[in-house]
C-alpha atoms as a PDB file:
ATOM      1  CA  UNK A   1       5.385  13.749  -8.415  1.00  0.00           C
ATOM      2  CA  UNK A   2       5.326  10.326  -6.808  1.00  0.00           C
ATOM      3  CA  UNK A   3       5.468   9.673  -3.090  1.00  0.00           C
ATOM      4  CA  UNK A   4       6.133   6.408  -1.283  1.00  0.00           C
ATOM      5  CA  UNK A   5       4.347   6.055   2.046  1.00  0.00           C
ATOM      6  CA  UNK A   6       4.902   3.351   4.635  1.00  0.00           C
ATOM      7  CA  UNK A   7       2.268   2.640   7.269  1.00  0.00           C
ATOM      8  CA  UNK A   8       1.949  -0.007   9.978  1.00  0.00           C
ATOM      9  CA  UNK A   9      -1.138  -1.512   8.310  1.00  0.00           C
ATOM     10  CA  UNK A  10      -3.503  -1.117   5.354  1.00  0.00           C
ATOM     11  CA  UNK A  11      -6.159   0.644   7.434  1.00  0.00           C
ATOM     12  CA  UNK A  12      -3.749   3.359   8.556  1.00  0.00           C
ATOM     13  CA  UNK A  13      -2.479   3.865   5.017  1.00  0.00           C
ATOM     14  CA  UNK A  14      -6.013   4.166   3.652  1.00  0.00           C
ATOM     15  CA  UNK A  15      -7.091   6.577   6.395  1.00  0.00           C
ATOM     16  CA  UNK A  16      -4.061   8.754   5.667  1.00  0.00           C
ATOM     17  CA  UNK A  17      -4.805   8.801   1.940  1.00  0.00           C
ATOM     18  CA  UNK A  18      -8.428   9.736   2.637  1.00  0.00           C
ATOM     19  CA  UNK A  19      -7.335  12.630   4.851  1.00  0.00           C
ATOM     20  CA  UNK A  20      -4.887  13.902   2.238  1.00  0.00           C
ATOM     21  CA  UNK A  21      -7.485  13.456  -0.517  1.00  0.00           C
ATOM     22  CA  UNK A  22      -9.942  15.723   1.286  1.00  0.00           C
ATOM     23  CA  UNK A  23      -7.738  18.680   0.380  1.00  0.00           C
ATOM     24  CA  UNK A  24      -8.910  18.211  -3.190  1.00  0.00           C
ATOM     25  CA  UNK A  25      -5.689  18.750  -5.090  1.00  0.00           C
ATOM     26  CA  UNK A  26      -4.142  15.319  -4.518  1.00  0.00           C
ATOM     27  CA  UNK A  27      -4.917  12.083  -6.317  1.00  0.00           C
ATOM     28  CA  UNK A  28      -3.704   8.715  -5.093  1.00  0.00           C
ATOM     29  CA  UNK A  29      -3.361   5.220  -6.453  1.00  0.00           C
ATOM     30  CA  UNK A  30      -2.568   2.911  -3.560  1.00  0.00           C
ATOM     31  CA  UNK A  31      -0.483  -0.129  -4.432  1.00  0.00           C
ATOM     32  CA  UNK A  32       0.168  -2.955  -1.994  1.00  0.00           C
ATOM     33  CA  UNK A  33       3.800  -3.970  -1.518  1.00  0.00           C
ATOM     34  CA  UNK A  34       4.772  -7.355  -0.107  1.00  0.00           C
ATOM     35  CA  UNK A  35       7.628  -8.090   2.268  1.00  0.00           C
ATOM     36  CA  UNK A  36      10.171 -10.809   1.575  1.00  0.00           C
ATOM     37  CA  UNK A  37       8.442 -13.439   3.738  1.00  0.00           C
ATOM     38  CA  UNK A  38       5.030 -12.624   2.268  1.00  0.00           C
ATOM     39  CA  UNK A  39       6.411 -12.908  -1.257  1.00  0.00           C
ATOM     40  CA  UNK A  40       8.069 -16.252  -0.434  1.00  0.00           C
ATOM     41  CA  UNK A  41       4.669 -17.609   0.687  1.00  0.00           C
ATOM     42  CA  UNK A  42       2.957 -16.224  -2.427  1.00  0.00           C
ATOM     43  CA  UNK A  43       5.535 -17.823  -4.723  1.00  0.00           C
ATOM     44  CA  UNK A  44       5.213 -21.125  -2.857  1.00  0.00           C
ATOM     45  CA  UNK A  45       1.438 -21.079  -3.399  1.00  0.00           C
ATOM     46  CA  UNK A  46       1.812 -20.165  -7.062  1.00  0.00           C
ATOM     47  CA  UNK A  47       4.295 -22.934  -7.797  1.00  0.00           C
ATOM     48  CA  UNK A  48       2.397 -25.581  -5.843  1.00  0.00           C
END
């Protein structure tokens, strides 16, 4: 099963995953997603 979680910031997301992980039967692999504006800036940096 895969679950998508949105949080207001990285710290909140990580804290939530740590709380869920304490149960012991859940594994997580956090992946950072970028918004449109963030991705535009990243592409601009990559293309010079």
